[in-house]
């Protein structure tokens, strides 16, 4: 990553952590509320059992995304960049 893009990358990472955490928390809360049928401790526990699937799925999707990502980003050579600039002009 180019030095001038590192601040942007850091901001994107922090934003994705915050947004992802808030989104998963909202979905988990919705699943708990939908799965809890009464006020007894057993029904609340059943709601939590159903909701534990959501973060497990999110973690599995994250693991799959990490495994399937490209191992290295291809950076064009300087000559390729110059050719692209000449074609654009």
Protein backbone atom coordinates (compact mmCIF):
# COMPACT_ATOMS: atom_id res chain seq x y z
CA UNK A 1 0.00 0.00 0.00
CA UNK A 2 1.29 3.39 -0.92
CA UNK A 3 2.31 5.67 1.92
CA UNK A 4 -0.24 8.31 0.99
CA UNK A 5 -3.08 5.74 1.23
CA UNK A 6 -2.26 4.37 4.68
CA UNK A 7 -4.46 6.85 6.54
CA UNK A 8 -7.39 5.98 4.32
CA UNK A 9 -6.83 2.26 4.88
CA UNK A 10 -6.68 2.74 8.66
CA UNK A 11 -9.91 4.71 8.60
CA UNK A 12 -11.65 2.04 6.51
CA UNK A 13 -10.51 -0.71 8.87
CA UNK A 14 -11.71 1.13 11.97
CA UNK A 15 -15.02 2.00 10.34
CA UNK A 16 -15.60 -1.59 9.27
CA UNK A 17 -14.88 -2.86 12.79
CA UNK A 18 -17.33 -0.38 14.32
CA UNK A 19 -20.05 -0.90 11.72
CA UNK A 20 -19.65 -4.68 11.70
CA UNK A 21 -19.86 -4.90 15.49
CA UNK A 22 -22.96 -2.72 15.61
CA UNK A 23 -24.64 -4.67 12.81
CA UNK A 24 -23.95 -8.09 14.36
CA UNK A 25 -25.12 -6.85 17.77
CA UNK A 26 -28.37 -5.60 16.25
CA UNK A 27 -28.99 -8.92 14.49
CA UNK A 28 -28.17 -10.92 17.64
CA UNK A 29 -30.57 -8.78 19.67
CA UNK A 30 -33.31 -9.26 17.08
CA UNK A 31 -32.81 -13.04 17.11
CA UNK A 32 -32.90 -13.13 20.93
CA UNK A 33 -36.13 -11.12 20.97
CA UNK A 34 -37.70 -13.28 18.27
CA UNK A 35 -36.65 -16.55 19.87
CA UNK A 36 -37.65 -15.75 23.45
CA UNK A 37 -41.23 -16.88 23.92
CA UNK A 38 -41.81 -16.10 27.58
CA UNK A 39 -40.32 -14.62 30.70
CA UNK A 40 -39.06 -17.82 32.29
CA UNK A 41 -35.34 -18.30 32.56
CA UNK A 42 -35.54 -21.36 30.30
CA UNK A 43 -37.21 -19.43 27.47
CA UNK A 44 -34.62 -16.65 27.75
CA UNK A 45 -31.86 -19.26 27.63
CA UNK A 46 -33.47 -20.80 24.55
CA UNK A 47 -33.41 -17.35 22.92
CA UNK A 48 -29.70 -17.03 23.65
CA UNK A 49 -29.05 -20.50 22.23
CA UNK A 50 -30.70 -19.47 18.96
CA UNK A 51 -28.81 -16.16 18.87
CA UNK A 52 -25.35 -17.71 19.31
CA UNK A 53 -25.61 -18.92 15.72
CA UNK A 54 -25.38 -15.34 14.37
CA UNK A 55 -21.84 -14.53 15.58
CA UNK A 56 -20.71 -18.02 14.62
CA UNK A 57 -21.93 -17.46 11.06
CA UNK A 58 -20.28 -14.01 10.99
CA UNK A 59 -16.98 -15.52 12.18
CA UNK A 60 -17.21 -18.31 9.60
CA UNK A 61 -17.85 -15.80 6.81
CA UNK A 62 -14.87 -13.75 7.98
CA UNK A 63 -12.66 -16.85 8.00
CA UNK A 64 -13.78 -17.79 4.48
CA UNK A 65 -13.12 -14.25 3.27
CA UNK A 66 -9.60 -14.35 4.74
CA UNK A 67 -8.82 -17.71 3.14
CA UNK A 68 -10.15 -16.71 -0.28
CA UNK A 69 -8.48 -13.28 -0.43
CA UNK A 70 -5.63 -12.73 -2.86
CA UNK A 71 -2.27 -13.43 -1.24
CA UNK A 72 -0.71 -10.25 -2.57
CA UNK A 73 -2.03 -7.21 -4.33
CA UNK A 74 -0.54 -6.73 -7.74
CA UNK A 75 1.12 -3.37 -8.06
CA UNK A 76 1.57 -2.23 -11.65
CA UNK A 77 5.08 -1.50 -12.79
CA UNK A 78 6.07 2.10 -13.39
CA UNK A 79 6.14 1.52 -17.14
CA UNK A 80 2.54 0.24 -17.04
CA UNK A 81 1.48 3.34 -15.13
CA UNK A 82 3.16 5.61 -17.66
CA UNK A 83 1.44 3.75 -20.52
CA UNK A 84 -1.94 4.11 -18.83
CA UNK A 85 -1.38 7.84 -18.30
CA UNK A 86 -0.39 8.30 -21.94
CA UNK A 87 -3.50 6.44 -23.12
CA UNK A 88 -5.72 8.54 -20.86
CA UNK A 89 -4.26 11.80 -22.20
